[in-house]
Amino acid sequence: MKIFLIIIIFLCCVLIGINIKSYFIKRKTFYQNLNFFCENLFNEISFNNQKLSIIVRNNFYNFNEDFNTILLSFEDFLLNKISKKDFEKSLNKNLYYLNKTEIKSLLNFLYSIGSQTKEEEIDKIKKFIKHINIPIKEENEKTKKYSTLYFKLFIVLGLAIAIIFI
């Protein structure tokens, strides 16, 4: 019974470490996908005269599942299938690893695209790409530093607890 309890505690520590590592990786992946989406959006607006909903639909499956869910919700919002409030709820639910300021910045960008002339849209997207390059660098550094650190820390913590109980 004691060994079973030690194994359970160790596994819990490992799972906590995996969840923390996953948090950092999801943030990093989100910002990389957002940057790639903005670059695709920039190219599509620069060279094609398509509706924004078609551009968003064409970008499905280029990203991970989380970002595809966001794009799907955004397309539904553009086509008036869901309300603004439902769209915001969907983002808050799916982007649980971002803080409110980051979500608000993303919402402001998404609400603003498609409402101006082609040149203004291109300029706005360029500025947003420059704006998100800062968090991309920060998240890359944080992921390198902290994701494996926390994972290893919780493994060591689990081992230490196991040794104490033995």
N, C-alpha and C. Protein backbone atom coordinates (compact mmCIF):
# COMPACT_ATOMS: atom_id res chain seq x y z
N MET A 1 0.82 -1.19 0.00
CA MET A 1 0.00 0.00 0.00
C MET A 1 0.86 1.26 0.00
N LYS A 2 1.94 1.23 0.77
CA LYS A 2 2.84 2.38 0.85
C LYS A 2 3.51 2.63 -0.50
N ILE A 3 3.94 1.57 -1.17
CA ILE A 3 4.60 1.72 -2.48
C ILE A 3 3.61 2.25 -3.51
N PHE A 4 2.37 1.78 -3.44
CA PHE A 4 1.33 2.26 -4.34
C PHE A 4 1.11 3.76 -4.15
N LEU A 5 1.06 4.23 -2.92
CA LEU A 5 0.89 5.65 -2.61
C LEU A 5 2.08 6.45 -3.12
N ILE A 6 3.28 5.93 -2.97
CA ILE A 6 4.48 6.62 -3.44
C ILE A 6 4.45 6.75 -4.97
N ILE A 7 4.04 5.69 -5.64
CA ILE A 7 3.95 5.74 -7.10
C ILE A 7 2.90 6.75 -7.55
N ILE A 8 1.78 6.80 -6.87
CA ILE A 8 0.73 7.77 -7.21
C ILE A 8 1.23 9.20 -7.01
N ILE A 9 1.90 9.46 -5.92
CA ILE A 9 2.44 10.81 -5.66
C ILE A 9 3.47 11.18 -6.72
N PHE A 10 4.35 10.25 -7.06
CA PHE A 10 5.35 10.50 -8.10
C PHE A 10 4.68 10.80 -9.43
N LEU A 11 3.68 10.01 -9.81
CA LEU A 11 2.98 10.24 -11.07
C LEU A 11 2.25 11.58 -11.09
N CYS A 12 1.70 11.96 -9.97
CA CYS A 12 1.03 13.27 -9.87
C CYS A 12 2.04 14.40 -10.09
N CYS A 13 3.21 14.27 -9.50
CA CYS A 13 4.25 15.29 -9.69
C CYS A 13 4.68 15.36 -11.16
N VAL A 14 4.82 14.21 -11.78
CA VAL A 14 5.20 14.18 -13.20
C VAL A 14 4.11 14.81 -14.06
N LEU A 15 2.85 14.53 -13.78
CA LEU A 15 1.74 15.11 -14.54
C LEU A 15 1.68 16.63 -14.37
N ILE A 16 1.94 17.10 -13.16
CA ILE A 16 1.99 18.56 -12.95
C ILE A 16 3.11 19.16 -13.79
N GLY A 17 4.27 18.53 -13.81
CA GLY A 17 5.38 19.01 -14.63
C GLY A 17 5.04 19.01 -16.11
N ILE A 18 4.36 17.98 -16.57
CA ILE A 18 3.95 17.90 -17.98
C ILE A 18 2.96 19.01 -18.30
N ASN A 19 2.01 19.28 -17.41
CA ASN A 19 1.03 20.35 -17.64
C ASN A 19 1.70 21.72 -17.72
N ILE A 20 2.66 21.96 -16.85
CA ILE A 20 3.35 23.25 -16.88
C ILE A 20 4.17 23.38 -18.16
N LYS A 21 4.85 22.32 -18.55
CA LYS A 21 5.61 22.33 -19.80
C LYS A 21 4.67 22.56 -20.99
N SER A 22 3.52 21.93 -20.97
CA SER A 22 2.52 22.09 -22.03
C SER A 22 2.04 23.54 -22.12
N TYR A 23 1.87 24.18 -20.97
CA TYR A 23 1.45 25.59 -20.93
C TYR A 23 2.43 26.46 -21.71
N PHE A 24 3.71 26.31 -21.46
CA PHE A 24 4.71 27.11 -22.16
C PHE A 24 4.75 26.79 -23.64
N ILE A 25 4.63 25.54 -23.98
CA ILE A 25 4.66 25.14 -25.39
C ILE A 25 3.43 25.66 -26.13
N LYS A 26 2.27 25.62 -25.49
CA LYS A 26 1.05 26.13 -26.14
C LYS A 26 1.15 27.63 -26.40
N ARG A 27 1.68 28.37 -25.46
CA ARG A 27 1.84 29.82 -25.67
C ARG A 27 2.78 30.10 -26.84
N LYS A 28 3.89 29.39 -26.87
CA LYS A 28 4.86 29.56 -27.95
C LYS A 28 4.23 29.21 -29.30
N THR A 29 3.54 28.09 -29.35
CA THR A 29 2.91 27.64 -30.60
C THR A 29 1.82 28.61 -31.04
N PHE A 30 1.05 29.13 -30.08
CA PHE A 30 0.00 30.08 -30.44
C PHE A 30 0.60 31.31 -31.13
N TYR A 31 1.64 31.89 -30.54
CA TYR A 31 2.22 33.09 -31.13
C TYR A 31 2.87 32.81 -32.48
N GLN A 32 3.46 31.65 -32.65
CA GLN A 32 4.02 31.29 -33.95
C GLN A 32 2.91 31.14 -34.99
N ASN A 33 1.81 30.50 -34.61
CA ASN A 33 0.68 30.35 -35.52
C ASN A 33 0.05 31.70 -35.86
N LEU A 34 -0.06 32.56 -34.86
CA LEU A 34 -0.63 33.89 -35.09
C LEU A 34 0.24 34.68 -36.06
N ASN A 35 1.54 34.60 -35.90
CA ASN A 35 2.46 35.28 -36.81
C ASN A 35 2.31 34.73 -38.23
N PHE A 36 2.25 33.42 -38.36
CA PHE A 36 2.11 32.79 -39.67
C PHE A 36 0.77 33.18 -40.31
N PHE A 37 -0.29 33.22 -39.50
CA PHE A 37 -1.60 33.63 -40.00
C PHE A 37 -1.56 35.07 -40.49
N CYS A 38 -0.94 35.95 -39.73
CA CYS A 38 -0.85 37.36 -40.13
C CYS A 38 -0.05 37.52 -41.42
N GLU A 39 1.03 36.76 -41.56
CA GLU A 39 1.80 36.82 -42.79
C GLU A 39 0.99 36.32 -43.98
N ASN A 40 0.22 35.23 -43.78
CA ASN A 40 -0.66 34.74 -44.85
C ASN A 40 -1.73 35.76 -45.18
N LEU A 41 -2.29 36.37 -44.14
CA LEU A 41 -3.31 37.40 -44.33
C LEU A 41 -2.74 38.58 -45.10
N PHE A 42 -1.55 38.99 -44.73
CA PHE A 42 -0.86 40.09 -45.43
C PHE A 42 -0.69 39.75 -46.92
N ASN A 43 -0.21 38.55 -47.22
CA ASN A 43 -0.01 38.15 -48.61
C ASN A 43 -1.32 38.05 -49.37
N GLU A 44 -2.33 37.49 -48.76
CA GLU A 44 -3.63 37.34 -49.42
C GLU A 44 -4.26 38.71 -49.71
N ILE A 45 -4.18 39.62 -48.77
CA ILE A 45 -4.76 40.95 -48.97
C ILE A 45 -3.95 41.73 -50.00
N SER A 46 -2.63 41.56 -49.98
CA SER A 46 -1.78 42.28 -50.92
C SER A 46 -1.99 41.85 -52.36
N PHE A 47 -2.18 40.55 -52.58
CA PHE A 47 -2.18 40.05 -53.95
C PHE A 47 -3.53 39.56 -54.46
N ASN A 48 -4.46 39.28 -53.57
CA ASN A 48 -5.78 38.80 -53.98
C ASN A 48 -6.84 39.72 -53.41
N ASN A 49 -7.90 39.85 -54.13
CA ASN A 49 -9.02 40.65 -53.65
C ASN A 49 -10.16 39.73 -53.26
N GLN A 50 -9.97 38.99 -52.17
CA GLN A 50 -10.98 38.06 -51.69
C GLN A 50 -11.57 38.59 -50.39
N LYS A 51 -12.75 38.06 -50.07
CA LYS A 51 -13.36 38.41 -48.79
C LYS A 51 -12.53 37.83 -47.66
N LEU A 52 -12.62 38.49 -46.52
CA LEU A 52 -11.86 38.06 -45.35
C LEU A 52 -12.26 36.65 -44.90
N SER A 53 -13.55 36.34 -44.98
CA SER A 53 -14.00 35.00 -44.56
C SER A 53 -13.41 33.91 -45.46
N ILE A 54 -13.23 34.19 -46.73
CA ILE A 54 -12.62 33.22 -47.66
C ILE A 54 -11.13 33.05 -47.34
N ILE A 55 -10.48 34.15 -47.03
CA ILE A 55 -9.05 34.09 -46.67
C ILE A 55 -8.88 33.26 -45.39
N VAL A 56 -9.76 33.48 -44.41
CA VAL A 56 -9.68 32.73 -43.16
C VAL A 56 -9.93 31.25 -43.43
N ARG A 57 -10.93 30.94 -44.25
CA ARG A 57 -11.24 29.55 -44.57
C ARG A 57 -10.08 28.87 -45.29
N ASN A 58 -9.39 29.61 -46.16
CA ASN A 58 -8.25 29.05 -46.89
C ASN A 58 -7.07 28.74 -45.97
N ASN A 59 -7.05 29.34 -44.80
CA ASN A 59 -5.96 29.12 -43.86
C ASN A 59 -6.22 27.99 -42.88
N PHE A 60 -7.40 27.36 -42.97
CA PHE A 60 -7.66 26.20 -42.11
C PHE A 60 -6.64 25.12 -42.41
N TYR A 61 -6.36 24.34 -41.43
CA TYR A 61 -5.49 23.16 -41.54
C TYR A 61 -4.01 23.51 -41.76
N ASN A 62 -3.67 24.78 -41.71
CA ASN A 62 -2.26 25.17 -41.75
C ASN A 62 -1.69 25.24 -40.34
N PHE A 63 -2.56 25.12 -39.35
CA PHE A 63 -2.17 25.37 -37.98
C PHE A 63 -2.55 24.19 -37.09
N ASN A 64 -2.22 24.31 -35.80
CA ASN A 64 -2.61 23.26 -34.86
C ASN A 64 -4.10 23.37 -34.54
N GLU A 65 -4.60 22.42 -33.79
CA GLU A 65 -6.03 22.31 -33.52
C GLU A 65 -6.57 23.53 -32.77
N ASP A 66 -5.81 24.05 -31.81
CA ASP A 66 -6.26 25.21 -31.05
C ASP A 66 -6.47 26.42 -31.96
N PHE A 67 -5.51 26.66 -32.81
CA PHE A 67 -5.61 27.84 -33.68
C PHE A 67 -6.68 27.64 -34.75
N ASN A 68 -6.86 26.42 -35.24
CA ASN A 68 -7.94 26.15 -36.19
C ASN A 68 -9.31 26.42 -35.56
N THR A 69 -9.45 26.10 -34.29
CA THR A 69 -10.70 26.37 -33.57
C THR A 69 -10.96 27.87 -33.52
N ILE A 70 -9.91 28.64 -33.29
CA ILE A 70 -10.04 30.10 -33.26
C ILE A 70 -10.45 30.62 -34.64
N LEU A 71 -9.80 30.10 -35.68
CA LEU A 71 -10.13 30.53 -37.04
C LEU A 71 -11.57 30.16 -37.41
N LEU A 72 -12.00 29.00 -36.99
CA LEU A 72 -13.37 28.57 -37.26
C LEU A 72 -14.36 29.50 -36.57
N SER A 73 -14.09 29.85 -35.32
CA SER A 73 -14.96 30.79 -34.60
C SER A 73 -14.94 32.17 -35.25
N PHE A 74 -13.76 32.58 -35.71
CA PHE A 74 -13.65 33.89 -36.36
C PHE A 74 -14.42 33.90 -37.68
N GLU A 75 -14.34 32.82 -38.43
CA GLU A 75 -15.11 32.75 -39.68
C GLU A 75 -16.60 32.79 -39.39
N ASP A 76 -17.04 32.05 -38.36
CA ASP A 76 -18.46 32.09 -37.98
C ASP A 76 -18.88 33.50 -37.58
N PHE A 77 -18.00 34.20 -36.88
CA PHE A 77 -18.30 35.59 -36.50
C PHE A 77 -18.40 36.48 -37.75
N LEU A 78 -17.49 36.30 -38.69
CA LEU A 78 -17.51 37.11 -39.91
C LEU A 78 -18.77 36.86 -40.74
N LEU A 79 -19.24 35.63 -40.72
CA LEU A 79 -20.44 35.27 -41.48
C LEU A 79 -21.73 35.46 -40.66
N ASN A 80 -21.60 36.09 -39.50
CA ASN A 80 -22.71 36.38 -38.59
C ASN A 80 -23.44 35.12 -38.12
N LYS A 81 -22.72 34.01 -38.01
CA LYS A 81 -23.30 32.79 -37.46
C LYS A 81 -23.29 32.81 -35.94
N ILE A 82 -22.32 33.52 -35.36
CA ILE A 82 -22.27 33.68 -33.91
C ILE A 82 -22.13 35.16 -33.59
N SER A 83 -22.55 35.53 -32.41
CA SER A 83 -22.48 36.94 -32.00
C SER A 83 -21.07 37.29 -31.53
N LYS A 84 -20.86 38.58 -31.35
CA LYS A 84 -19.56 39.06 -30.85
C LYS A 84 -19.28 38.50 -29.45
N LYS A 85 -20.31 38.45 -28.63
CA LYS A 85 -20.17 37.94 -27.27
C LYS A 85 -19.80 36.46 -27.29
N ASP A 86 -20.44 35.68 -28.16
CA ASP A 86 -20.13 34.25 -28.26
C ASP A 86 -18.71 34.03 -28.78
N PHE A 87 -18.30 34.88 -29.69
CA PHE A 87 -16.94 34.80 -30.23
C PHE A 87 -15.92 35.06 -29.12
N GLU A 88 -16.17 36.08 -28.31
CA GLU A 88 -15.27 36.39 -27.20
C GLU A 88 -15.24 35.25 -26.18
N LYS A 89 -16.40 34.66 -25.89
CA LYS A 89 -16.44 33.52 -24.97
C LYS A 89 -15.63 32.35 -25.53
N SER A 90 -15.76 32.12 -26.83
CA SER A 90 -15.02 31.03 -27.46
C SER A 90 -13.52 31.25 -27.35
N LEU A 91 -13.09 32.49 -27.58
CA LEU A 91 -11.66 32.78 -27.47
C LEU A 91 -11.18 32.61 -26.03
N ASN A 92 -11.95 33.12 -25.09
CA ASN A 92 -11.54 32.99 -23.67
C ASN A 92 -11.47 31.52 -23.26
N LYS A 93 -12.37 30.71 -23.77
CA LYS A 93 -12.38 29.29 -23.43
C LYS A 93 -11.20 28.56 -24.07
N ASN A 94 -10.95 28.83 -25.34
CA ASN A 94 -9.91 28.10 -26.07
C ASN A 94 -8.50 28.62 -25.79
N LEU A 95 -8.39 29.87 -25.39
CA LEU A 95 -7.07 30.46 -25.14
C LEU A 95 -6.86 30.66 -23.65
N TYR A 96 -7.11 29.64 -22.87
CA TYR A 96 -6.98 29.72 -21.42
C TYR A 96 -5.55 30.00 -20.98
N TYR A 97 -4.58 29.77 -21.85
CA TYR A 97 -3.18 29.98 -21.51
C TYR A 97 -2.71 31.40 -21.79
N LEU A 98 -3.59 32.26 -22.31
CA LEU A 98 -3.26 33.67 -22.51
C LEU A 98 -3.96 34.49 -21.44
N ASN A 99 -3.32 35.62 -21.08
CA ASN A 99 -3.97 36.48 -20.09
C ASN A 99 -4.97 37.40 -20.79
N LYS A 100 -5.74 38.14 -20.03
CA LYS A 100 -6.82 38.95 -20.58
C LYS A 100 -6.30 40.06 -21.49
N THR A 101 -5.15 40.62 -21.18
CA THR A 101 -4.58 41.68 -22.01
C THR A 101 -4.21 41.14 -23.39
N GLU A 102 -3.64 39.95 -23.43
CA GLU A 102 -3.26 39.34 -24.70
C GLU A 102 -4.50 39.00 -25.54
N ILE A 103 -5.53 38.50 -24.88
CA ILE A 103 -6.77 38.18 -25.59
C ILE A 103 -7.42 39.44 -26.11
N LYS A 104 -7.40 40.49 -25.31
CA LYS A 104 -7.99 41.76 -25.74
C LYS A 104 -7.24 42.34 -26.94
N SER A 105 -5.93 42.24 -26.93
CA SER A 105 -5.13 42.71 -28.06
C SER A 105 -5.47 41.92 -29.32
N LEU A 106 -5.61 40.61 -29.18
CA LEU A 106 -5.98 39.76 -30.31
C LEU A 106 -7.38 40.12 -30.82
N LEU A 107 -8.31 40.31 -29.91
CA LEU A 107 -9.67 40.68 -30.30
C LEU A 107 -9.70 42.02 -31.03
N ASN A 108 -8.96 42.98 -30.52
CA ASN A 108 -8.91 44.29 -31.18
C ASN A 108 -8.39 44.17 -32.60
N PHE A 109 -7.37 43.34 -32.77
CA PHE A 109 -6.83 43.14 -34.12
C PHE A 109 -7.86 42.45 -35.02
N LEU A 110 -8.46 41.39 -34.52
CA LEU A 110 -9.42 40.64 -35.35
C LEU A 110 -10.65 41.48 -35.70
N TYR A 111 -11.10 42.30 -34.76
CA TYR A 111 -12.26 43.15 -35.04
C TYR A 111 -11.92 44.26 -36.04
N SER A 112 -10.66 44.66 -36.07
CA SER A 112 -10.30 45.80 -36.91
C SER A 112 -10.02 45.41 -38.36
N ILE A 113 -9.62 44.16 -38.60
CA ILE A 113 -9.31 43.79 -39.98
C ILE A 113 -10.59 43.63 -40.78
N GLY A 114 -10.48 43.99 -42.05
CA GLY A 114 -11.63 43.89 -42.94
C GLY A 114 -12.53 45.10 -42.92
N SER A 115 -12.13 46.17 -42.23
CA SER A 115 -13.01 47.33 -42.11
C SER A 115 -12.43 48.58 -42.75
N GLN A 116 -11.28 48.45 -43.41
CA GLN A 116 -10.64 49.63 -43.99
C GLN A 116 -10.20 49.34 -45.42
N THR A 117 -9.53 50.33 -46.02
CA THR A 117 -9.04 50.14 -47.39
C THR A 117 -7.88 49.14 -47.40
N LYS A 118 -7.56 48.69 -48.59
CA LYS A 118 -6.51 47.68 -48.74
C LYS A 118 -5.17 48.15 -48.18
N GLU A 119 -4.79 49.38 -48.45
CA GLU A 119 -3.52 49.91 -47.99
C GLU A 119 -3.49 50.04 -46.47
N GLU A 120 -4.60 50.50 -45.90
CA GLU A 120 -4.67 50.62 -44.44
C GLU A 120 -4.62 49.25 -43.77
N GLU A 121 -5.27 48.26 -44.39
CA GLU A 121 -5.24 46.89 -43.85
C GLU A 121 -3.82 46.34 -43.86
N ILE A 122 -3.12 46.54 -44.97
CA ILE A 122 -1.75 46.06 -45.09
C ILE A 122 -0.86 46.71 -44.04
N ASP A 123 -1.03 48.01 -43.85
CA ASP A 123 -0.25 48.73 -42.85
C ASP A 123 -0.56 48.23 -41.44
N LYS A 124 -1.83 48.01 -41.15
CA LYS A 124 -2.25 47.51 -39.84
C LYS A 124 -1.68 46.12 -39.58
N ILE A 125 -1.69 45.26 -40.57
CA ILE A 125 -1.17 43.90 -40.41
C ILE A 125 0.34 43.95 -40.19
N LYS A 126 1.05 44.81 -40.94
CA LYS A 126 2.50 44.95 -40.74
C LYS A 126 2.80 45.37 -39.29
N LYS A 127 2.04 46.33 -38.79
CA LYS A 127 2.25 46.80 -37.41
C LYS A 127 1.96 45.70 -36.40
N PHE A 128 0.92 44.92 -36.66
CA PHE A 128 0.58 43.85 -35.72
C PHE A 128 1.64 42.75 -35.75
N ILE A 129 2.19 42.47 -36.92
CA ILE A 129 3.27 41.47 -37.02
C ILE A 129 4.48 41.94 -36.21
N LYS A 130 4.82 43.23 -36.32
CA LYS A 130 5.92 43.76 -35.52
C LYS A 130 5.59 43.67 -34.03
N HIS A 131 4.33 43.93 -33.69
CA HIS A 131 3.89 43.88 -32.30
C HIS A 131 3.99 42.47 -31.73
N ILE A 132 3.64 41.45 -32.49
CA ILE A 132 3.66 40.08 -31.96
C ILE A 132 5.04 39.44 -32.05
N ASN A 133 5.96 40.06 -32.74
CA ASN A 133 7.33 39.52 -32.77
C ASN A 133 7.98 39.60 -31.39
N ILE A 134 7.60 40.58 -30.59
CA ILE A 134 8.14 40.71 -29.23
C ILE A 134 7.70 39.53 -28.36
N PRO A 135 6.37 39.23 -28.29
CA PRO A 135 5.99 38.05 -27.50
C PRO A 135 6.53 36.73 -28.05
N ILE A 136 6.73 36.65 -29.36
CA ILE A 136 7.29 35.42 -29.93
C ILE A 136 8.69 35.19 -29.37
N LYS A 137 9.50 36.23 -29.37
CA LYS A 137 10.86 36.10 -28.82
C LYS A 137 10.81 35.76 -27.32
N GLU A 138 9.93 36.44 -26.59
CA GLU A 138 9.81 36.18 -25.16
C GLU A 138 9.37 34.75 -24.89
N GLU A 139 8.40 34.27 -25.64
CA GLU A 139 7.89 32.92 -25.42
C GLU A 139 8.91 31.87 -25.81
N ASN A 140 9.69 32.14 -26.85
CA ASN A 140 10.77 31.20 -27.21
C ASN A 140 11.78 31.08 -26.08
N GLU A 141 12.16 32.24 -25.51
CA GLU A 141 13.11 32.22 -24.40
C GLU A 141 12.51 31.54 -23.17
N LYS A 142 11.26 31.87 -22.84
CA LYS A 142 10.62 31.26 -21.67
C LYS A 142 10.49 29.75 -21.84
N THR A 143 10.14 29.32 -23.05
CA THR A 143 9.98 27.89 -23.28
C THR A 143 11.31 27.17 -23.13
N LYS A 144 12.37 27.77 -23.68
CA LYS A 144 13.69 27.15 -23.54
C LYS A 144 14.11 27.08 -22.08
N LYS A 145 13.88 28.15 -21.34
CA LYS A 145 14.33 28.21 -19.94
C LYS A 145 13.46 27.40 -19.00
N TYR A 146 12.16 27.64 -19.07
CA TYR A 146 11.30 27.19 -17.99
C TYR A 146 10.56 25.88 -18.24
N SER A 147 10.26 25.54 -19.48
CA SER A 147 9.44 24.35 -19.69
C SER A 147 10.14 23.09 -19.20
N THR A 148 11.36 22.89 -19.62
CA THR A 148 12.08 21.70 -19.16
C THR A 148 12.49 21.84 -17.70
N LEU A 149 12.75 23.07 -17.25
CA LEU A 149 13.11 23.29 -15.86
C LEU A 149 12.00 22.82 -14.92
N TYR A 150 10.77 23.26 -15.19
CA TYR A 150 9.65 22.87 -14.33
C TYR A 150 9.37 21.37 -14.44
N PHE A 151 9.49 20.83 -15.62
CA PHE A 151 9.27 19.40 -15.79
C PHE A 151 10.26 18.60 -14.94
N LYS A 152 11.53 18.95 -15.07
CA LYS A 152 12.56 18.25 -14.28
C LYS A 152 12.40 18.51 -12.79
N LEU A 153 12.03 19.73 -12.44
CA LEU A 153 11.84 20.08 -11.04
C LEU A 153 10.76 19.21 -10.39
N PHE A 154 9.66 19.01 -11.08
CA PHE A 154 8.59 18.20 -10.51
C PHE A 154 8.95 16.71 -10.50
N ILE A 155 9.76 16.26 -11.45
CA ILE A 155 10.24 14.88 -11.38
C ILE A 155 11.13 14.70 -10.15
N VAL A 156 12.02 15.66 -9.93
CA VAL A 156 12.90 15.59 -8.76
C VAL A 156 12.07 15.69 -7.48
N LEU A 157 11.07 16.55 -7.48
CA LEU A 157 10.20 16.67 -6.31
C LEU A 157 9.49 15.34 -6.03
N GLY A 158 8.98 14.71 -7.07
CA GLY A 158 8.34 13.40 -6.91
C GLY A 158 9.30 12.35 -6.38
N LEU A 159 10.52 12.36 -6.91
CA LEU A 159 11.53 11.42 -6.42
C LEU A 159 11.89 11.71 -4.97
N ALA A 160 12.01 12.98 -4.63
CA ALA A 160 12.35 13.35 -3.25
C ALA A 160 11.25 12.90 -2.28
N ILE A 161 10.02 13.10 -2.66
CA ILE A 161 8.90 12.66 -1.81
C ILE A 161 8.92 11.14 -1.68
N ALA A 162 9.21 10.46 -2.79
CA ALA A 162 9.27 8.99 -2.75
C ALA A 162 10.38 8.52 -1.82
N ILE A 163 11.53 9.17 -1.90
CA ILE A 163 12.67 8.78 -1.03
C ILE A 163 12.33 9.05 0.43
N ILE A 164 11.66 10.17 0.71
CA ILE A 164 11.29 10.50 2.10
C ILE A 164 10.34 9.44 2.66
N PHE A 165 9.38 9.00 1.85
CA PHE A 165 8.41 8.02 2.34
C PHE A 165 8.97 6.61 2.43
N ILE A 166 10.03 6.33 1.70
CA ILE A 166 10.63 4.99 1.77
C ILE A 166 11.43 4.93 3.02
